[in-house]
Amino acid sequence: MRDLESLSRLVCQVAREAGAYIRKERASFSVDKVERKHAHDYVSYVDKGSELLIVKSLREILPEAGFITEEGTTKTLPQPLPEREESSNSQDGKDEEEGEGLLWVVDPLDGTTNFIHGYAPYAVSIALIQDKDILLGVVYDVCADECYYAWKGGGAYLEVRGKMADVRGEKSDVRGEKSDVRGEKSEVGGEKSEVRVERLAVGTSAINDALLCMQLPYNSDAYKPVIKHLIDRFYGNVGSIRMIGSAAMALCYVAAGRLDGYVERYIGRWDYMAGALIVKEAGGTVTDYNGSADFTCGDSVVASNGVVHQPLLEAVAVAVVTTI
């Protein structure tokens, strides 16, 4: 296996290629081609097409690795990308090739509801794991053309290309200190473009000034009492609260210091695996709702800058107990 840094860069390119496909399809997307997986949980041919593209590329990069994919397309390869006029019936969220050893964990389009409505953000999320160990994580923000990535022990980074790289200039963190930024030249499609890579670091806000993300998962009946308690606890007592519709992007925003904390339950491993590593490598804290750092097989995530983690866990604990 390649070293994790070079492997991460290859996966960034795979994520960008999938993102380009998603952008292209969004330009002519029709809601008539949307399928309903469960109540208020949707999938489109774009999710499946993106996944096919990603899986094919990752197999070429690391043939020995298996897959955990949201849309369960891995058994259907090789085949052309789904057409707009057709509909696929592959099962969602199925671990098609799960086994021992290395596994890719893939969400080909995190934030499908956002995508359907043309509402940012939505993203591609790819992680490589071995048992419960997350080796690398890549999240590509399709709308902002930002690629977040990290590998175990190597730190977390944000790669920005093209015009966005030109206008961002020198980045400072919330403390007014200069972050680790380096410039590169990249050749894409025969043309050179600017590339800026920033090393990520979580913010430092305490709970009273924190910007928190409280997501609304699809399991509304089970989660409604919990989210009501969390909103009641924090609304008016923190900086503010946001709901952005993408678990992967919420985690990356925590890693970048744009959010200070994020809480969600009833989500899949493909939703959080890559972003969780990015948060940890940026200096943040990630646990499940019980406060356990062994979260990789569960369905709940609490991620933070570390400073606000205990208040978040305490609120979650009370919410869960009082709503049982």
C-alpha atoms as a PDB file:
ATOM      1  CA  MET A   1       0.000   0.000   0.000  1.00  0.00           C
ATOM      2  CA  ARG A   2       1.168   3.535  -0.792  1.00  0.00           C
ATOM      3  CA  ASP A   3       2.025   5.882   2.045  1.00  0.00           C
ATOM      4  CA  LEU A   4      -1.064   7.581   3.447  1.00  0.00           C
ATOM      5  CA  GLU A   5      -0.123  11.093   2.356  1.00  0.00           C
ATOM      6  CA  SER A   6       0.236  10.224  -1.323  1.00  0.00           C
ATOM      7  CA  LEU A   7      -2.838   8.005  -1.112  1.00  0.00           C
ATOM      8  CA  SER A   8      -4.833  10.898   0.346  1.00  0.00           C
ATOM      9  CA  ARG A   9      -3.865  13.114  -2.572  1.00  0.00           C
ATOM     10  CA  LEU A  10      -4.991  10.454  -5.050  1.00  0.00           C
ATOM     11  CA  VAL A  11      -8.312  10.137  -3.264  1.00  0.00           C
ATOM     12  CA  CYS A  12      -8.730  13.923  -3.375  1.00  0.00           C
ATOM     13  CA  GLN A  13      -8.526  13.680  -7.149  1.00  0.00           C
ATOM     14  CA  VAL A  14     -11.119  10.887  -7.199  1.00  0.00           C
ATOM     15  CA  ALA A  15     -13.449  12.999  -5.051  1.00  0.00           C
ATOM     16  CA  ARG A  16     -12.954  16.006  -7.326  1.00  0.00           C
ATOM     17  CA  GLU A  17     -13.787  13.916 -10.403  1.00  0.00           C
ATOM     18  CA  ALA A  18     -16.973  12.691  -8.737  1.00  0.00           C
ATOM     19  CA  GLY A  19     -17.767  16.280  -7.778  1.00  0.00           C
ATOM     20  CA  ALA A  20     -17.347  17.402 -11.389  1.00  0.00           C
ATOM     21  CA  TYR A  21     -19.831  14.713 -12.447  1.00  0.00           C
ATOM     22  CA  ILE A  22     -22.299  15.878  -9.764  1.00  0.00           C
ATOM     23  CA  ARG A  23     -21.972  19.524 -10.862  1.00  0.00           C
ATOM     24  CA  LYS A  24     -22.513  18.596 -14.503  1.00  0.00           C
ATOM     25  CA  GLU A  25     -25.623  16.573 -13.736  1.00  0.00           C
ATOM     26  CA  ARG A  26     -27.026  19.247 -11.418  1.00  0.00           C
ATOM     27  CA  ALA A  27     -27.125  21.695 -14.326  1.00  0.00           C
ATOM     28  CA  SER A  28     -29.819  19.607 -16.047  1.00  0.00           C
ATOM     29  CA  PHE A  29     -31.232  17.743 -13.041  1.00  0.00           C
ATOM     30  CA  SER A  30     -34.931  16.948 -12.817  1.00  0.00           C
ATOM     31  CA  VAL A  31     -36.724  16.088  -9.585  1.00  0.00           C
ATOM     32  CA  ASP A  32     -38.755  13.561 -11.595  1.00  0.00           C
ATOM     33  CA  LYS A  33     -35.740  11.236 -11.406  1.00  0.00           C
ATOM     34  CA  VAL A  34     -35.635  11.156  -7.607  1.00  0.00           C
ATOM     35  CA  GLU A  35     -36.419   7.922  -5.752  1.00  0.00           C
ATOM     36  CA  ARG A  36     -37.635   7.675  -2.168  1.00  0.00           C
ATOM     37  CA  LYS A  37     -35.586   5.288   0.024  1.00  0.00           C
ATOM     38  CA  HIS A  38     -37.560   5.945   3.204  1.00  0.00           C
ATOM     39  CA  ALA A  39     -39.796   8.756   4.436  1.00  0.00           C
ATOM     40  CA  HIS A  40     -38.081  12.040   3.460  1.00  0.00           C
ATOM     41  CA  ASP A  41     -34.896  10.121   2.521  1.00  0.00           C
ATOM     42  CA  TYR A  42     -34.084  10.391  -1.161  1.00  0.00           C
ATOM     43  CA  VAL A  43     -31.693   9.020  -3.763  1.00  0.00           C
ATOM     44  CA  SER A  44     -31.131   9.952  -7.400  1.00  0.00           C
ATOM     45  CA  TYR A  45     -29.319   8.518 -10.382  1.00  0.00           C
ATOM     46  CA  VAL A  46     -26.598  11.081  -9.556  1.00  0.00           C
ATOM     47  CA  ASP A  47     -25.876   9.434  -6.177  1.00  0.00           C
ATOM     48  CA  LYS A  48     -25.525   6.077  -7.908  1.00  0.00           C
ATOM     49  CA  GLY A  49     -23.521   7.414 -10.840  1.00  0.00           C
ATOM     50  CA  SER A  50     -21.111   9.171  -8.505  1.00  0.00           C
ATOM     51  CA  GLU A  51     -20.688   5.992  -6.464  1.00  0.00           C
ATOM     52  CA  LEU A  52     -19.945   3.875  -9.533  1.00  0.00           C
ATOM     53  CA  LEU A  53     -17.312   6.378 -10.646  1.00  0.00           C
ATOM     54  CA  ILE A  54     -15.701   6.488  -7.187  1.00  0.00           C
ATOM     55  CA  VAL A  55     -15.659   2.720  -6.643  1.00  0.00           C
ATOM     56  CA  LYS A  56     -14.111   2.084 -10.062  1.00  0.00           C
ATOM     57  CA  SER A  57     -11.313   4.576  -9.384  1.00  0.00           C
ATOM     58  CA  LEU A  58     -10.642   3.360  -5.844  1.00  0.00           C
ATOM     59  CA  ARG A  59     -10.408  -0.248  -7.033  1.00  0.00           C
ATOM     60  CA  GLU A  60      -7.660   0.807  -9.410  1.00  0.00           C
ATOM     61  CA  ILE A  61      -5.797   2.651  -6.653  1.00  0.00           C
ATOM     62  CA  LEU A  62      -6.064  -0.081  -3.999  1.00  0.00           C
ATOM     63  CA  PRO A  63      -7.313  -3.388  -5.458  1.00  0.00           C
ATOM     64  CA  GLU A  64      -7.027  -5.256  -2.146  1.00  0.00           C
ATOM     65  CA  ALA A  65      -9.543  -3.037  -0.314  1.00  0.00           C
ATOM     66  CA  GLY A  66     -13.239  -3.792   0.089  1.00  0.00           C
ATOM     67  CA  PHE A  67     -16.116  -1.327   0.264  1.00  0.00           C
ATOM     68  CA  ILE A  68     -18.846   0.029   2.501  1.00  0.00           C
ATOM     69  CA  THR A  69     -21.009   2.223   0.240  1.00  0.00           C
ATOM     70  CA  GLU A  70     -24.241   4.065   0.881  1.00  0.00           C
ATOM     71  CA  GLU A  71     -25.990   3.133  -2.346  1.00  0.00           C
ATOM     72  CA  GLY A  72     -24.745  -0.471  -2.523  1.00  0.00           C
ATOM     73  CA  THR A  73     -23.577  -0.392  -6.152  1.00  0.00           C
ATOM     74  CA  THR A  74     -20.318  -2.321  -5.761  1.00  0.00           C
ATOM     75  CA  LYS A  75     -21.755  -5.653  -6.879  1.00  0.00           C
ATOM     76  CA  THR A  76     -23.014  -4.129 -10.099  1.00  0.00           C
ATOM     77  CA  LEU A  77     -19.625  -3.000 -11.464  1.00  0.00           C
ATOM     78  CA  PRO A  78     -18.510  -2.745 -14.194  1.00  0.00           C
ATOM     79  CA  GLN A  79     -21.327  -0.868 -15.929  1.00  0.00           C
ATOM     80  CA  PRO A  80     -21.901   2.595 -17.423  1.00  0.00           C
ATOM     81  CA  LEU A  81     -23.054   5.460 -15.256  1.00  0.00           C
ATOM     82  CA  PRO A  82     -26.852   5.588 -14.837  1.00  0.00           C
ATOM     83  CA  GLU A  83     -28.703   7.627 -17.460  1.00  0.00           C
ATOM     84  CA  ARG A  84     -31.152  10.389 -16.655  1.00  0.00           C
ATOM     85  CA  GLU A  85     -33.991   8.441 -18.299  1.00  0.00           C
ATOM     86  CA  GLU A  86     -33.398   5.301 -16.267  1.00  0.00           C
ATOM     87  CA  SER A  87     -33.797   4.300 -12.656  1.00  0.00           C
ATOM     88  CA  SER A  88     -31.765   1.799 -10.654  1.00  0.00           C
ATOM     89  CA  ASN A  89     -33.140  -0.393  -7.868  1.00  0.00           C
ATOM     90  CA  SER A  90     -29.926  -1.114  -5.952  1.00  0.00           C
ATOM     91  CA  GLN A  91     -30.335  -1.218  -2.186  1.00  0.00           C
ATOM     92  CA  ASP A  92     -29.156   1.733  -0.146  1.00  0.00           C
ATOM     93  CA  GLY A  93     -26.694   1.586   2.707  1.00  0.00           C
ATOM     94  CA  LYS A  94     -25.603  -1.997   2.118  1.00  0.00           C
ATOM     95  CA  ASP A  95     -22.098  -3.219   2.965  1.00  0.00           C
ATOM     96  CA  GLU A  96     -21.626  -4.981  -0.346  1.00  0.00           C
ATOM     97  CA  GLU A  97     -18.020  -6.087   0.105  1.00  0.00           C
ATOM     98  CA  GLU A  98     -17.452  -5.707   3.810  1.00  0.00           C
ATOM     99  CA  GLY A  99     -14.908  -8.054   5.311  1.00  0.00           C
ATOM    100  CA  GLU A 100     -11.592  -8.068   7.108  1.00  0.00           C
ATOM    101  CA  GLY A 101      -8.695  -5.770   6.255  1.00  0.00           C
ATOM    102  CA  LEU A 102      -8.854  -2.481   4.381  1.00  0.00           C
ATOM    103  CA  LEU A 103     -12.238  -0.962   3.556  1.00  0.00           C
ATOM    104  CA  TRP A 104     -13.248   2.133   1.651  1.00  0.00           C
ATOM    105  CA  VAL A 105     -16.253   3.886   3.232  1.00  0.00           C
ATOM    106  CA  VAL A 106     -18.016   5.938   0.565  1.00  0.00           C
ATOM    107  CA  ASP A 107     -20.834   8.466   0.538  1.00  0.00           C
ATOM    108  CA  PRO A 108     -21.062   9.504  -3.132  1.00  0.00           C
ATOM    109  CA  LEU A 109     -23.350  12.473  -2.441  1.00  0.00           C
ATOM    110  CA  ASP A 110     -23.806  13.554   1.155  1.00  0.00           C
ATOM    111  CA  GLY A 111     -26.653  16.034   1.350  1.00  0.00           C
ATOM    112  CA  THR A 112     -28.881  14.584  -1.372  1.00  0.00           C
ATOM    113  CA  THR A 113     -31.878  16.644  -0.253  1.00  0.00           C
ATOM    114  CA  ASN A 114     -29.748  19.792  -0.513  1.00  0.00           C
ATOM    115  CA  PHE A 115     -28.629  18.684  -3.991  1.00  0.00           C
ATOM    116  CA  ILE A 116     -32.204  18.089  -5.145  1.00  0.00           C
ATOM    117  CA  HIS A 117     -33.193  21.598  -4.089  1.00  0.00           C
ATOM    118  CA  GLY A 118     -30.012  23.274  -5.355  1.00  0.00           C
ATOM    119  CA  TYR A 119     -29.157  24.240  -1.783  1.00  0.00           C
ATOM    120  CA  ALA A 120     -25.535  24.207  -0.627  1.00  0.00           C
ATOM    121  CA  PRO A 121     -23.672  22.365   0.702  1.00  0.00           C
ATOM    122  CA  TYR A 122     -23.448  18.830  -0.610  1.00  0.00           C
ATOM    123  CA  ALA A 123     -20.318  16.745  -0.772  1.00  0.00           C
ATOM    124  CA  VAL A 124     -18.420  13.589  -1.664  1.00  0.00           C
ATOM    125  CA  SER A 125     -17.041  11.689   1.341  1.00  0.00           C
ATOM    126  CA  ILE A 126     -14.416   8.913   1.183  1.00  0.00           C
ATOM    127  CA  ALA A 127     -12.576   7.220   4.052  1.00  0.00           C
ATOM    128  CA  LEU A 128     -10.174   4.293   4.258  1.00  0.00           C
ATOM    129  CA  ILE A 129     -10.408   2.197   7.412  1.00  0.00           C
ATOM    130  CA  GLN A 130      -8.740  -0.888   8.829  1.00  0.00           C
ATOM    131  CA  ASP A 131     -10.835  -2.518  11.525  1.00  0.00           C
ATOM    132  CA  LYS A 132     -11.864   0.485  13.675  1.00  0.00           C
ATOM    133  CA  ASP A 133      -8.866   2.560  12.631  1.00  0.00           C
ATOM    134  CA  ILE A 134      -9.545   5.445  10.211  1.00  0.00           C
ATOM    135  CA  LEU A 135      -6.450   5.750   8.014  1.00  0.00           C
ATOM    136  CA  LEU A 136      -7.481   8.645   5.775  1.00  0.00           C
ATOM    137  CA  GLY A 137     -10.476  10.831   5.058  1.00  0.00           C
ATOM    138  CA  VAL A 138     -11.402  13.068   2.128  1.00  0.00           C
ATOM    139  CA  VAL A 139     -14.470  15.309   1.851  1.00  0.00           C
ATOM    140  CA  TYR A 140     -15.019  17.374  -1.290  1.00  0.00           C
ATOM    141  CA  ASP A 141     -17.457  20.283  -1.075  1.00  0.00           C
ATOM    142  CA  VAL A 142     -18.985  20.285  -4.554  1.00  0.00           C
ATOM    143  CA  CYS A 143     -20.519  23.748  -4.286  1.00  0.00           C
ATOM    144  CA  ALA A 144     -17.507  25.606  -2.868  1.00  0.00           C
ATOM    145  CA  ASP A 145     -14.871  23.558  -4.749  1.00  0.00           C
ATOM    146  CA  GLU A 146     -13.039  22.907  -1.476  1.00  0.00           C
ATOM    147  CA  CYS A 147     -11.349  19.602  -0.686  1.00  0.00           C
ATOM    148  CA  TYR A 148     -10.779  18.696   2.960  1.00  0.00           C
ATOM    149  CA  TYR A 149      -8.457  15.797   3.706  1.00  0.00           C
ATOM    150  CA  ALA A 150      -6.457  14.134   6.450  1.00  0.00           C
ATOM    151  CA  TRP A 151      -4.443  11.028   7.074  1.00  0.00           C
ATOM    152  CA  LYS A 152      -3.720   9.384  10.387  1.00  0.00           C
ATOM    153  CA  GLY A 153      -0.980  11.264  12.231  1.00  0.00           C
ATOM    154  CA  GLY A 154      -0.475  13.720   9.365  1.00  0.00           C
ATOM    155  CA  GLY A 155      -2.774  16.626  10.206  1.00  0.00           C
ATOM    156  CA  ALA A 156      -5.836  17.964   8.396  1.00  0.00           C
ATOM    157  CA  TYR A 157      -5.832  20.182   5.318  1.00  0.00           C
ATOM    158  CA  LEU A 158      -8.024  22.242   3.014  1.00  0.00           C
ATOM    159  CA  GLU A 159      -7.148  22.409  -0.675  1.00  0.00           C
ATOM    160  CA  VAL A 160      -8.585  25.262  -2.746  1.00  0.00           C
ATOM    161  CA  ARG A 161      -7.987  25.610  -6.474  1.00  0.00           C
ATOM    162  CA  GLY A 162      -8.417  28.139  -9.247  1.00  0.00           C
ATOM    163  CA  LYS A 163     -10.008  31.542  -8.690  1.00  0.00           C
ATOM    164  CA  MET A 164     -11.011  30.726  -5.127  1.00  0.00           C
ATOM    165  CA  ALA A 165      -7.356  30.123  -4.329  1.00  0.00           C
ATOM    166  CA  ASP A 166      -6.495  33.532  -5.757  1.00  0.00           C
ATOM    167  CA  VAL A 167      -9.088  35.500  -3.788  1.00  0.00           C
ATOM    168  CA  ARG A 168      -8.689  33.771  -0.436  1.00  0.00           C
ATOM    169  CA  GLY A 169      -5.194  35.144   0.039  1.00  0.00           C
ATOM    170  CA  GLU A 170      -3.441  34.704   3.360  1.00  0.00           C
ATOM    171  CA  LYS A 171      -5.661  33.050   5.932  1.00  0.00           C
ATOM    172  CA  SER A 172      -5.738  33.917   9.623  1.00  0.00           C
ATOM    173  CA  ASP A 173      -7.434  31.906  12.323  1.00  0.00           C
ATOM    174  CA  VAL A 174      -9.854  33.324  14.886  1.00  0.00           C
ATOM    175  CA  ARG A 175      -6.970  34.248  17.191  1.00  0.00           C
ATOM    176  CA  GLY A 176      -5.411  36.444  14.515  1.00  0.00           C
ATOM    177  CA  GLU A 177      -2.503  34.083  13.942  1.00  0.00           C
ATOM    178  CA  LYS A 178      -1.370  33.079  10.479  1.00  0.00           C
ATOM    179  CA  SER A 179      -2.253  29.527   9.562  1.00  0.00           C
ATOM    180  CA  ASP A 180       0.000  27.101   7.734  1.00  0.00           C
ATOM    181  CA  VAL A 181      -0.662  27.950   4.061  1.00  0.00           C
ATOM    182  CA  ARG A 182       1.304  26.885   1.014  1.00  0.00           C
ATOM    183  CA  GLY A 183       0.822  27.560  -2.671  1.00  0.00           C
ATOM    184  CA  GLU A 184       1.226  25.129  -5.543  1.00  0.00           C
ATOM    185  CA  LYS A 185       0.655  24.921  -9.278  1.00  0.00           C
ATOM    186  CA  SER A 186      -1.649  22.215 -10.576  1.00  0.00           C
ATOM    187  CA  GLU A 187      -2.325  21.236 -14.166  1.00  0.00           C
ATOM    188  CA  VAL A 188      -5.938  20.291 -14.792  1.00  0.00           C
ATOM    189  CA  GLY A 189      -7.244  19.693 -18.312  1.00  0.00           C
ATOM    190  CA  GLY A 190      -4.035  21.072 -19.800  1.00  0.00           C
ATOM    191  CA  GLU A 191      -4.330  24.384 -17.956  1.00  0.00           C
ATOM    192  CA  LYS A 192      -2.360  25.483 -14.918  1.00  0.00           C
ATOM    193  CA  SER A 193      -4.329  26.639 -11.911  1.00  0.00           C
ATOM    194  CA  GLU A 194      -3.427  28.016  -8.519  1.00  0.00           C
ATOM    195  CA  VAL A 195      -3.663  25.621  -5.581  1.00  0.00           C
ATOM    196  CA  ARG A 196      -3.685  26.727  -1.961  1.00  0.00           C
ATOM    197  CA  VAL A 197      -3.365  24.198   0.850  1.00  0.00           C
ATOM    198  CA  GLU A 198      -4.197  25.342   4.372  1.00  0.00           C
ATOM    199  CA  ARG A 199      -3.534  23.307   7.494  1.00  0.00           C
ATOM    200  CA  LEU A 200      -6.742  23.141   9.505  1.00  0.00           C
ATOM    201  CA  ALA A 201      -7.166  23.840  13.214  1.00  0.00           C
ATOM    202  CA  VAL A 202     -10.365  23.825  15.249  1.00  0.00           C
ATOM    203  CA  GLY A 203     -11.611  26.998  16.906  1.00  0.00           C
ATOM    204  CA  THR A 204     -11.315  27.954  20.560  1.00  0.00           C
ATOM    205  CA  SER A 205     -14.766  29.322  21.445  1.00  0.00           C
ATOM    206  CA  ALA A 206     -16.326  28.415  24.775  1.00  0.00           C
ATOM    207  CA  ILE A 207     -19.915  27.192  24.879  1.00  0.00           C
ATOM    208  CA  ASN A 208     -21.492  30.627  25.440  1.00  0.00           C
ATOM    209  CA  ASP A 209     -19.911  31.943  22.208  1.00  0.00           C
ATOM    210  CA  ALA A 210     -20.025  28.693  20.230  1.00  0.00           C
ATOM    211  CA  LEU A 211     -21.599  28.239  16.800  1.00  0.00           C
ATOM    212  CA  LEU A 212     -23.230  24.803  16.943  1.00  0.00           C
ATOM    213  CA  CYS A 213     -24.744  22.525  14.312  1.00  0.00           C
ATOM    214  CA  MET A 214     -27.781  20.465  15.339  1.00  0.00           C
ATOM    215  CA  GLN A 215     -28.872  18.306  12.418  1.00  0.00           C
ATOM    216  CA  LEU A 216     -32.291  16.750  11.777  1.00  0.00           C
ATOM    217  CA  PRO A 217     -31.932  13.064  10.790  1.00  0.00           C
ATOM    218  CA  TYR A 218     -34.585  11.172   8.830  1.00  0.00           C
ATOM    219  CA  ASN A 219     -35.712   9.138  11.853  1.00  0.00           C
ATOM    220  CA  SER A 220     -37.938  11.994  12.985  1.00  0.00           C
ATOM    221  CA  ASP A 221     -40.230  10.068  15.338  1.00  0.00           C
ATOM    222  CA  ALA A 222     -37.327   8.815  17.459  1.00  0.00           C
ATOM    223  CA  TYR A 223     -35.230  11.975  17.328  1.00  0.00           C
ATOM    224  CA  LYS A 224     -37.824  14.737  17.593  1.00  0.00           C
ATOM    225  CA  PRO A 225     -37.943  14.700  21.432  1.00  0.00           C
ATOM    226  CA  VAL A 226     -34.129  14.736  21.593  1.00  0.00           C
ATOM    227  CA  ILE A 227     -33.655  17.653  19.213  1.00  0.00           C
ATOM    228  CA  LYS A 228     -36.397  19.622  20.982  1.00  0.00           C
ATOM    229  CA  HIS A 229     -34.488  19.248  24.246  1.00  0.00           C
ATOM    230  CA  LEU A 230     -31.151  20.200  22.652  1.00  0.00           C
ATOM    231  CA  ILE A 231     -32.599  23.303  21.016  1.00  0.00           C
ATOM    232  CA  ASP A 232     -34.267  24.279  24.286  1.00  0.00           C
ATOM    233  CA  ARG A 233     -30.965  23.821  26.127  1.00  0.00           C
ATOM    234  CA  PHE A 234     -28.751  25.761  23.728  1.00  0.00           C
ATOM    235  CA  TYR A 235     -30.944  28.267  21.868  1.00  0.00           C
ATOM    236  CA  GLY A 236     -30.206  31.650  23.418  1.00  0.00           C
ATOM    237  CA  ASN A 237     -27.345  30.242  25.490  1.00  0.00           C
ATOM    238  CA  VAL A 238     -24.719  29.848  22.738  1.00  0.00           C
ATOM    239  CA  GLY A 239     -23.481  32.035  19.910  1.00  0.00           C
ATOM    240  CA  SER A 240     -25.996  30.530  17.495  1.00  0.00           C
ATOM    241  CA  ILE A 241     -27.271  27.253  16.032  1.00  0.00           C
ATOM    242  CA  ARG A 242     -27.228  26.068  12.423  1.00  0.00           C
ATOM    243  CA  MET A 243     -28.612  23.118  10.457  1.00  0.00           C
ATOM    244  CA  ILE A 244     -26.799  22.579   7.157  1.00  0.00           C
ATOM    245  CA  GLY A 245     -28.024  19.221   5.817  1.00  0.00           C
ATOM    246  CA  SER A 246     -24.688  17.422   5.355  1.00  0.00           C
ATOM    247  CA  ALA A 247     -22.972  15.478   8.115  1.00  0.00           C
ATOM    248  CA  ALA A 248     -19.683  15.364   6.212  1.00  0.00           C
ATOM    249  CA  MET A 249     -19.632  19.128   5.744  1.00  0.00           C
ATOM    250  CA  ALA A 250     -20.645  19.833   9.339  1.00  0.00           C
ATOM    251  CA  LEU A 251     -17.631  17.833  10.492  1.00  0.00           C
ATOM    252  CA  CYS A 252     -15.318  19.658   8.094  1.00  0.00           C
ATOM    253  CA  TYR A 253     -16.653  23.007   9.301  1.00  0.00           C
ATOM    254  CA  VAL A 254     -15.759  21.982  12.858  1.00  0.00           C
ATOM    255  CA  ALA A 255     -12.256  21.058  11.669  1.00  0.00           C
ATOM    256  CA  ALA A 256     -11.890  24.427   9.939  1.00  0.00           C
ATOM    257  CA  GLY A 257     -13.115  26.402  12.950  1.00  0.00           C
ATOM    258  CA  ARG A 258     -16.260  27.537  11.126  1.00  0.00           C
ATOM    259  CA  LEU A 259     -18.370  25.556  13.604  1.00  0.00           C
ATOM    260  CA  ASP A 260     -17.460  24.793  17.209  1.00  0.00           C
ATOM    261  CA  GLY A 261     -19.627  21.730  17.725  1.00  0.00           C
ATOM    262  CA  TYR A 262     -21.854  19.282  15.868  1.00  0.00           C
ATOM    263  CA  VAL A 263     -24.365  16.718  17.139  1.00  0.00           C
ATOM    264  CA  GLU A 264     -26.319  14.105  15.174  1.00  0.00           C
ATOM    265  CA  ARG A 265     -27.759  10.620  15.506  1.00  0.00           C
ATOM    266  CA  TYR A 266     -29.245   8.001  13.142  1.00  0.00           C
ATOM    267  CA  ILE A 267     -26.563   8.465  10.511  1.00  0.00           C
ATOM    268  CA  GLY A 268     -24.464   5.947   8.585  1.00  0.00           C
ATOM    269  CA  ARG A 269     -20.743   5.332   8.727  1.00  0.00           C
ATOM    270  CA  TRP A 270     -20.375   6.762   5.222  1.00  0.00           C
ATOM    271  CA  ASP A 271     -21.791  10.042   6.548  1.00  0.00           C
ATOM    272  CA  TYR A 272     -19.221  10.648   9.276  1.00  0.00           C
ATOM    273  CA  MET A 273     -16.133   8.447   8.837  1.00  0.00           C
ATOM    274  CA  ALA A 274     -14.000  10.754   6.686  1.00  0.00           C
ATOM    275  CA  GLY A 275     -15.055  13.943   8.439  1.00  0.00           C
ATOM    276  CA  ALA A 276     -14.420  12.467  11.875  1.00  0.00           C
ATOM    277  CA  LEU A 277     -10.756  11.866  11.075  1.00  0.00           C
ATOM    278  CA  ILE A 278     -10.445  15.377   9.643  1.00  0.00           C
ATOM    279  CA  VAL A 279     -11.785  16.826  12.909  1.00  0.00           C
ATOM    280  CA  LYS A 280      -9.431  14.718  15.029  1.00  0.00           C
ATOM    281  CA  GLU A 281      -6.399  15.602  12.928  1.00  0.00           C
ATOM    282  CA  ALA A 282      -7.348  19.296  13.199  1.00  0.00           C
ATOM    283  CA  GLY A 283      -7.126  19.007  16.989  1.00  0.00           C
ATOM    284  CA  GLY A 284     -10.803  18.405  17.729  1.00  0.00           C
ATOM    285  CA  THR A 285     -12.683  15.739  19.665  1.00  0.00           C
ATOM    286  CA  VAL A 286     -15.074  13.120  18.258  1.00  0.00           C
ATOM    287  CA  THR A 287     -17.159  10.659  20.273  1.00  0.00           C
ATOM    288  CA  ASP A 288     -20.519   8.943  20.141  1.00  0.00           C
ATOM    289  CA  TYR A 289     -23.475  10.116  22.230  1.00  0.00           C
ATOM    290  CA  ASN A 290     -22.152   8.154  25.204  1.00  0.00           C
ATOM    291  CA  GLY A 291     -18.809   9.938  25.080  1.00  0.00           C
ATOM    292  CA  SER A 292     -16.937   6.906  23.747  1.00  0.00           C
ATOM    293  CA  ALA A 293     -14.091   7.479  21.307  1.00  0.00           C
ATOM    294  CA  ASP A 294     -14.988   4.087  19.805  1.00  0.00           C
ATOM    295  CA  PHE A 295     -17.679   5.529  17.521  1.00  0.00           C
ATOM    296  CA  THR A 296     -16.872   3.927  14.167  1.00  0.00           C
ATOM    297  CA  CYS A 297     -19.573   1.249  14.244  1.00  0.00           C
ATOM    298  CA  GLY A 298     -22.325   3.391  15.738  1.00  0.00           C
ATOM    299  CA  ASP A 299     -24.968   5.788  14.466  1.00  0.00           C
ATOM    300  CA  SER A 300     -24.275   8.860  16.620  1.00  0.00           C
ATOM    301  CA  VAL A 301     -21.580  11.536  16.549  1.00  0.00           C
ATOM    302  CA  VAL A 302     -20.602  14.442  18.752  1.00  0.00           C
ATOM    303  CA  ALA A 303     -17.723  16.470  17.271  1.00  0.00           C
ATOM    304  CA  SER A 304     -16.265  19.655  18.685  1.00  0.00           C
ATOM    305  CA  ASN A 305     -13.314  21.945  19.175  1.00  0.00           C
ATOM    306  CA  GLY A 306     -12.753  20.113  22.470  1.00  0.00           C
ATOM    307  CA  VAL A 307     -13.643  23.127  24.605  1.00  0.00           C
ATOM    308  CA  VAL A 308     -17.403  22.642  24.194  1.00  0.00           C
ATOM    309  CA  HIS A 309     -17.417  18.848  24.126  1.00  0.00           C
ATOM    310  CA  GLN A 310     -18.392  18.180  27.722  1.00  0.00           C
ATOM    311  CA  PRO A 311     -21.361  20.602  27.680  1.00  0.00           C
ATOM    312  CA  LEU A 312     -22.567  18.935  24.469  1.00  0.00           C
ATOM    313  CA  LEU A 313     -22.282  15.444  25.976  1.00  0.00           C
ATOM    314  CA  GLU A 314     -24.070  16.535  29.141  1.00  0.00           C
ATOM    315  CA  ALA A 315     -26.944  17.990  27.128  1.00  0.00           C
ATOM    316  CA  VAL A 316     -27.193  14.876  24.967  1.00  0.00           C
ATOM    317  CA  ALA A 317     -27.229  12.621  28.042  1.00  0.00           C
ATOM    318  CA  VAL A 318     -30.090  14.578  29.613  1.00  0.00           C
ATOM    319  CA  ALA A 319     -31.979  14.674  26.297  1.00  0.00           C
ATOM    320  CA  VAL A 320     -31.743  10.925  25.801  1.00  0.00           C
ATOM    321  CA  VAL A 321     -32.696  10.089  29.415  1.00  0.00           C
ATOM    322  CA  THR A 322     -35.646  12.469  29.561  1.00  0.00           C
ATOM    323  CA  THR A 323     -37.106  11.247  26.268  1.00  0.00           C
ATOM    324  CA  ILE A 324     -36.936   7.485  26.885  1.00  0.00           C
END
